Amino acid sequence: MPQSPSHLLQIPRDALVSLLAEAGRQETPEEFLNQQHLQTIIRKGDSFQKRARAAYWSRFWLGLSAAISLISLFISHDWEDFLSVIILGGMTVVEVKVYRWFLEGDNRAAIWGWYNQCLFSLLFLVYGTYHFFTVTVPPEISQSLGESTGLVYVSIAKITYFSIGIAGAIGQFILALYYRRSIPSGIK
């Protein structure tokens, strides 16, 4: 049996009764809302509201990451931080739109969210792979602690970047799939 849609009514019940009467419909609001095509719309609404919560947190973490990259850019003036600010800032803007679209029940949310999170997943892989192959021993460590400590540093750094790349990519791809599952059939 479908879930009762009474918690989804956004207009007073008596207003819906009046609207149904004016339209010449003899059914109660509950009977009207339990129709199959309306149940599909209600399920889509529930699905989109859940995804809106996921997009809310995603936009928060993307925005925080962009802000941290911006602070790092001001401190280090590094090209990697510059790219991070541009990419994460743009992805944050998209995720803010995705969040708003999910709240509004707009199908663009699922489509744009899917692509935004797939891009984020890919960027985690690129980031982890790039640093895995380019990590070096800082001169301070090799001079003060010796070459063997430098090798341990490189090994730990490689494991860390590999883990960040894989875990981040998997996490973002799972979110992308979660968004994608709400894309109406025929639009994919």
C-alpha atoms as a PDB file:
ATOM      1  CA  MET A   1       0.000   0.000   0.000  1.00  0.00           C
ATOM      2  CA  PRO A   2       1.409   3.443  -0.891  1.00  0.00           C
ATOM      3  CA  GLN A   3       2.586   5.690   1.882  1.00  0.00           C
ATOM      4  CA  SER A   4      -0.032   8.203   3.021  1.00  0.00           C
ATOM      5  CA  PRO A   5       0.670  11.486   1.247  1.00  0.00           C
ATOM      6  CA  SER A   6      -1.003  13.601   3.941  1.00  0.00           C
ATOM      7  CA  HIS A   7       2.355  14.826   5.257  1.00  0.00           C
ATOM      8  CA  LEU A   8       3.165  16.249   1.801  1.00  0.00           C
ATOM      9  CA  LEU A   9       0.156  18.547   1.469  1.00  0.00           C
ATOM     10  CA  GLN A  10       1.387  22.083   1.142  1.00  0.00           C
ATOM     11  CA  ILE A  11      -2.050  23.646   1.114  1.00  0.00           C
ATOM     12  CA  PRO A  12      -4.668  23.401   3.824  1.00  0.00           C
ATOM     13  CA  ARG A  13      -6.914  20.356   3.502  1.00  0.00           C
ATOM     14  CA  ASP A  14     -10.083  22.479   3.235  1.00  0.00           C
ATOM     15  CA  ALA A  15      -8.518  24.445   0.371  1.00  0.00           C
ATOM     16  CA  LEU A  16      -7.913  21.170  -1.479  1.00  0.00           C
ATOM     17  CA  VAL A  17     -11.497  20.059  -0.758  1.00  0.00           C
ATOM     18  CA  SER A  18     -12.712  23.353  -2.265  1.00  0.00           C
ATOM     19  CA  LEU A  19     -10.460  22.997  -5.301  1.00  0.00           C
ATOM     20  CA  LEU A  20     -11.669  19.442  -5.922  1.00  0.00           C
ATOM     21  CA  ALA A  21     -15.306  20.533  -5.573  1.00  0.00           C
ATOM     22  CA  GLU A  22     -14.779  23.435  -7.984  1.00  0.00           C
ATOM     23  CA  ALA A  23     -13.261  21.011 -10.476  1.00  0.00           C
ATOM     24  CA  GLY A  24     -16.338  18.772 -10.187  1.00  0.00           C
ATOM     25  CA  ARG A  25     -14.448  15.916  -8.530  1.00  0.00           C
ATOM     26  CA  GLN A  26     -16.328  13.897  -5.947  1.00  0.00           C
ATOM     27  CA  GLU A  27     -13.318  12.368  -4.222  1.00  0.00           C
ATOM     28  CA  THR A  28     -11.689  13.174  -0.900  1.00  0.00           C
ATOM     29  CA  PRO A  29      -8.230  14.756  -0.876  1.00  0.00           C
ATOM     30  CA  GLU A  30      -6.783  11.406   0.230  1.00  0.00           C
ATOM     31  CA  GLU A  31      -8.450   9.552  -2.661  1.00  0.00           C
ATOM     32  CA  PHE A  32      -7.232  12.218  -5.057  1.00  0.00           C
ATOM     33  CA  LEU A  33      -3.656  12.022  -3.761  1.00  0.00           C
ATOM     34  CA  ASN A  34      -3.611   8.211  -3.791  1.00  0.00           C
ATOM     35  CA  GLN A  35      -4.058   8.051  -7.568  1.00  0.00           C
ATOM     36  CA  GLN A  36      -1.208   6.194  -9.262  1.00  0.00           C
ATOM     37  CA  HIS A  37       0.182   9.106 -11.296  1.00  0.00           C
ATOM     38  CA  LEU A  38       0.131  11.349  -8.233  1.00  0.00           C
ATOM     39  CA  GLN A  39       1.843   8.643  -6.184  1.00  0.00           C
ATOM     40  CA  THR A  40       4.636   8.624  -8.762  1.00  0.00           C
ATOM     41  CA  ILE A  41       4.993  12.397  -8.402  1.00  0.00           C
ATOM     42  CA  ILE A  42       4.946  12.121  -4.607  1.00  0.00           C
ATOM     43  CA  ARG A  43       7.626   9.393  -4.652  1.00  0.00           C
ATOM     44  CA  LYS A  44       9.733  11.582  -6.947  1.00  0.00           C
ATOM     45  CA  GLY A  45       9.259  14.459  -4.495  1.00  0.00           C
ATOM     46  CA  ASP A  46      10.359  12.290  -1.568  1.00  0.00           C
ATOM     47  CA  SER A  47      13.343  11.050  -3.573  1.00  0.00           C
ATOM     48  CA  PHE A  48      14.333  14.578  -4.540  1.00  0.00           C
ATOM     49  CA  GLN A  49      14.033  15.820  -0.939  1.00  0.00           C
ATOM     50  CA  LYS A  50      16.434  13.098   0.231  1.00  0.00           C
ATOM     51  CA  ARG A  51      18.868  14.001  -2.522  1.00  0.00           C
ATOM     52  CA  ALA A  52      18.522  17.670  -1.611  1.00  0.00           C
ATOM     53  CA  ARG A  53      19.858  16.793   1.840  1.00  0.00           C
ATOM     54  CA  ALA A  54      22.837  15.034   0.244  1.00  0.00           C
ATOM     55  CA  ALA A  55      23.424  18.034  -2.045  1.00  0.00           C
ATOM     56  CA  TYR A  56      23.191  20.359   0.972  1.00  0.00           C
ATOM     57  CA  TRP A  57      26.143  18.621   2.623  1.00  0.00           C
ATOM     58  CA  SER A  58      28.000  18.212  -0.652  1.00  0.00           C
ATOM     59  CA  ARG A  59      27.808  21.944  -1.392  1.00  0.00           C
ATOM     60  CA  PHE A  60      28.965  22.650   2.169  1.00  0.00           C
ATOM     61  CA  TRP A  61      32.060  20.447   1.849  1.00  0.00           C
ATOM     62  CA  LEU A  62      32.839  21.692  -1.654  1.00  0.00           C
ATOM     63  CA  GLY A  63      32.562  25.297  -0.458  1.00  0.00           C
ATOM     64  CA  LEU A  64      34.734  24.590   2.568  1.00  0.00           C
ATOM     65  CA  SER A  65      37.341  22.908   0.344  1.00  0.00           C
ATOM     66  CA  ALA A  66      37.297  25.903  -2.016  1.00  0.00           C
ATOM     67  CA  ALA A  67      37.727  28.292   0.934  1.00  0.00           C
ATOM     68  CA  ILE A  68      40.656  26.281   2.330  1.00  0.00           C
ATOM     69  CA  SER A  69      42.236  26.253  -1.136  1.00  0.00           C
ATOM     70  CA  LEU A  70      41.774  30.028  -1.355  1.00  0.00           C
ATOM     71  CA  ILE A  71      43.487  30.533   2.011  1.00  0.00           C
ATOM     72  CA  SER A  72      46.282  28.216   0.906  1.00  0.00           C
ATOM     73  CA  LEU A  73      46.585  30.177  -2.355  1.00  0.00           C
ATOM     74  CA  PHE A  74      47.044  33.433  -0.443  1.00  0.00           C
ATOM     75  CA  ILE A  75      49.753  31.826   1.695  1.00  0.00           C
ATOM     76  CA  SER A  76      51.663  29.800  -0.912  1.00  0.00           C
ATOM     77  CA  HIS A  77      50.830  31.355  -4.317  1.00  0.00           C
ATOM     78  CA  ASP A  78      50.961  27.832  -5.737  1.00  0.00           C
ATOM     79  CA  TRP A  79      49.518  26.897  -9.156  1.00  0.00           C
ATOM     80  CA  GLU A  80      47.868  23.808  -7.672  1.00  0.00           C
ATOM     81  CA  ASP A  81      45.976  25.934  -5.143  1.00  0.00           C
ATOM     82  CA  PHE A  82      44.947  28.320  -7.932  1.00  0.00           C
ATOM     83  CA  LEU A  83      43.497  25.428  -9.948  1.00  0.00           C
ATOM     84  CA  SER A  84      41.802  24.047  -6.844  1.00  0.00           C
ATOM     85  CA  VAL A  85      40.114  27.386  -6.110  1.00  0.00           C
ATOM     86  CA  ILE A  86      38.818  27.684  -9.686  1.00  0.00           C
ATOM     87  CA  ILE A  87      37.631  24.065  -9.987  1.00  0.00           C
ATOM     88  CA  LEU A  88      36.193  23.687  -6.478  1.00  0.00           C
ATOM     89  CA  GLY A  89      34.578  27.122  -6.661  1.00  0.00           C
ATOM     90  CA  GLY A  90      32.879  26.240  -9.934  1.00  0.00           C
ATOM     91  CA  MET A  91      31.762  22.867  -8.631  1.00  0.00           C
ATOM     92  CA  THR A  92      30.377  24.546  -5.499  1.00  0.00           C
ATOM     93  CA  VAL A  93      28.295  26.901  -7.646  1.00  0.00           C
ATOM     94  CA  VAL A  94      26.919  23.926  -9.589  1.00  0.00           C
ATOM     95  CA  GLU A  95      26.183  21.988  -6.388  1.00  0.00           C
ATOM     96  CA  VAL A  96      24.306  24.991  -4.954  1.00  0.00           C
ATOM     97  CA  LYS A  97      22.131  24.931  -8.082  1.00  0.00           C
ATOM     98  CA  VAL A  98      21.711  21.157  -7.804  1.00  0.00           C
ATOM     99  CA  TYR A  99      20.540  21.580  -4.217  1.00  0.00           C
ATOM    100  CA  ARG A 100      18.015  24.253  -5.196  1.00  0.00           C
ATOM    101  CA  TRP A 101      16.773  22.209  -8.159  1.00  0.00           C
ATOM    102  CA  PHE A 102      16.269  19.117  -5.995  1.00  0.00           C
ATOM    103  CA  LEU A 103      14.215  21.214  -3.563  1.00  0.00           C
ATOM    104  CA  GLU A 104      12.124  22.481  -6.474  1.00  0.00           C
ATOM    105  CA  GLY A 105      11.663  18.993  -7.977  1.00  0.00           C
ATOM    106  CA  ASP A 106      13.514  19.998 -11.148  1.00  0.00           C
ATOM    107  CA  ASN A 107      14.999  17.097 -13.171  1.00  0.00           C
ATOM    108  CA  ARG A 108      18.092  19.192 -13.942  1.00  0.00           C
ATOM    109  CA  ALA A 109      19.238  18.500 -10.380  1.00  0.00           C
ATOM    110  CA  ALA A 110      19.792  14.807 -11.019  1.00  0.00           C
ATOM    111  CA  ILE A 111      21.488  15.360 -14.371  1.00  0.00           C
ATOM    112  CA  TRP A 112      23.801  18.198 -13.311  1.00  0.00           C
ATOM    113  CA  GLY A 113      24.451  16.525  -9.958  1.00  0.00           C
ATOM    114  CA  TRP A 114      25.475  13.317 -11.734  1.00  0.00           C
ATOM    115  CA  TYR A 115      27.982  15.123 -13.949  1.00  0.00           C
ATOM    116  CA  ASN A 116      29.291  17.367 -11.165  1.00  0.00           C
ATOM    117  CA  GLN A 117      29.962  14.432  -8.845  1.00  0.00           C
ATOM    118  CA  CYS A 118      31.494  12.325 -11.647  1.00  0.00           C
ATOM    119  CA  LEU A 119      33.875  15.216 -12.351  1.00  0.00           C
ATOM    120  CA  PHE A 120      34.697  15.456  -8.655  1.00  0.00           C
ATOM    121  CA  SER A 121      35.346  11.709  -8.569  1.00  0.00           C
ATOM    122  CA  LEU A 122      37.682  11.987 -11.557  1.00  0.00           C
ATOM    123  CA  LEU A 123      39.501  14.912  -9.956  1.00  0.00           C
ATOM    124  CA  PHE A 124      40.138  12.851  -6.822  1.00  0.00           C
ATOM    125  CA  LEU A 125      41.753  10.186  -9.006  1.00  0.00           C
ATOM    126  CA  VAL A 126      43.862  12.758 -10.862  1.00  0.00           C
ATOM    127  CA  TYR A 127      44.915  14.425  -7.599  1.00  0.00           C
ATOM    128  CA  GLY A 128      45.878  11.149  -5.929  1.00  0.00           C
ATOM    129  CA  THR A 129      47.693   9.820  -9.005  1.00  0.00           C
ATOM    130  CA  TYR A 130      49.583  13.069  -9.626  1.00  0.00           C
ATOM    131  CA  HIS A 131      50.855  13.270  -6.057  1.00  0.00           C
ATOM    132  CA  PHE A 132      51.550   9.545  -5.877  1.00  0.00           C
ATOM    133  CA  PHE A 133      54.026   9.862  -8.743  1.00  0.00           C
ATOM    134  CA  THR A 134      55.476  13.271  -7.870  1.00  0.00           C
ATOM    135  CA  VAL A 135      56.008  13.066  -4.107  1.00  0.00           C
ATOM    136  CA  THR A 136      59.586  13.836  -3.111  1.00  0.00           C
ATOM    137  CA  VAL A 137      61.501  14.094   0.126  1.00  0.00           C
ATOM    138  CA  PRO A 138      61.681  17.657   1.386  1.00  0.00           C
ATOM    139  CA  PRO A 139      65.365  18.679   1.715  1.00  0.00           C
ATOM    140  CA  GLU A 140      64.893  19.529   5.412  1.00  0.00           C
ATOM    141  CA  ILE A 141      63.855  15.954   6.206  1.00  0.00           C
ATOM    142  CA  SER A 142      66.634  14.253   4.243  1.00  0.00           C
ATOM    143  CA  GLN A 143      69.304  16.581   5.691  1.00  0.00           C
ATOM    144  CA  SER A 144      68.208  16.424   9.296  1.00  0.00           C
ATOM    145  CA  LEU A 145      66.913  12.861   9.600  1.00  0.00           C
ATOM    146  CA  GLY A 146      68.766  10.983   6.900  1.00  0.00           C
ATOM    147  CA  GLU A 147      67.962   9.168   3.681  1.00  0.00           C
ATOM    148  CA  SER A 148      66.204   6.200   5.284  1.00  0.00           C
ATOM    149  CA  THR A 149      63.714   8.503   7.020  1.00  0.00           C
ATOM    150  CA  GLY A 150      63.202  10.238   3.679  1.00  0.00           C
ATOM    151  CA  LEU A 151      62.279   6.911   2.083  1.00  0.00           C
ATOM    152  CA  VAL A 152      59.787   6.230   4.874  1.00  0.00           C
ATOM    153  CA  TYR A 153      58.340   9.721   4.318  1.00  0.00           C
ATOM    154  CA  VAL A 154      57.900   9.034   0.591  1.00  0.00           C
ATOM    155  CA  SER A 155      56.263   5.657   1.267  1.00  0.00           C
ATOM    156  CA  ILE A 156      53.817   7.114   3.772  1.00  0.00           C
ATOM    157  CA  ALA A 157      53.031  10.049   1.465  1.00  0.00           C
ATOM    158  CA  LYS A 158      52.389   7.692  -1.477  1.00  0.00           C
ATOM    159  CA  ILE A 159      50.058   5.532   0.599  1.00  0.00           C
ATOM    160  CA  THR A 160      48.248   8.666   1.808  1.00  0.00           C
ATOM    161  CA  TYR A 161      47.775  10.123  -1.686  1.00  0.00           C
ATOM    162  CA  PHE A 162      46.736   6.743  -3.086  1.00  0.00           C
ATOM    163  CA  SER A 163      44.158   6.389  -0.289  1.00  0.00           C
ATOM    164  CA  ILE A 164      42.841   9.939  -0.762  1.00  0.00           C
ATOM    165  CA  GLY A 165      42.514   9.414  -4.507  1.00  0.00           C
ATOM    166  CA  ILE A 166      40.731   6.066  -4.284  1.00  0.00           C
ATOM    167  CA  ALA A 167      38.514   6.806  -1.275  1.00  0.00           C
ATOM    168  CA  GLY A 168      37.539  10.246  -2.581  1.00  0.00           C
ATOM    169  CA  ALA A 169      36.790   8.930  -6.055  1.00  0.00           C
ATOM    170  CA  ILE A 170      34.669   6.071  -4.742  1.00  0.00           C
ATOM    171  CA  GLY A 171      32.766   8.316  -2.335  1.00  0.00           C
ATOM    172  CA  GLN A 172      31.967  10.935  -4.968  1.00  0.00           C
ATOM    173  CA  PHE A 173      31.011   8.312  -7.535  1.00  0.00           C
ATOM    174  CA  ILE A 174      28.588   6.734  -5.060  1.00  0.00           C
ATOM    175  CA  LEU A 175      26.995  10.169  -4.593  1.00  0.00           C
ATOM    176  CA  ALA A 176      26.892  10.590  -8.388  1.00  0.00           C
ATOM    177  CA  LEU A 177      25.071   7.254  -8.701  1.00  0.00           C
ATOM    178  CA  TYR A 178      22.660   8.294  -5.957  1.00  0.00           C
ATOM    179  CA  TYR A 179      21.841  11.454  -7.907  1.00  0.00           C
ATOM    180  CA  ARG A 180      21.577   9.510 -11.173  1.00  0.00           C
ATOM    181  CA  ARG A 181      19.025   7.075  -9.770  1.00  0.00           C
ATOM    182  CA  SER A 182      16.551   9.959  -9.601  1.00  0.00           C
ATOM    183  CA  ILE A 183      16.866  10.875 -13.304  1.00  0.00           C
ATOM    184  CA  PRO A 184      13.523  10.083 -14.947  1.00  0.00           C
ATOM    185  CA  SER A 185      13.685   7.322 -17.536  1.00  0.00           C
ATOM    186  CA  GLY A 186      14.147   8.515 -21.079  1.00  0.00           C
ATOM    187  CA  ILE A 187      16.233  11.560 -20.076  1.00  0.00           C
ATOM    188  CA  LYS A 188      19.560   9.862 -19.298  1.00  0.00           C
END
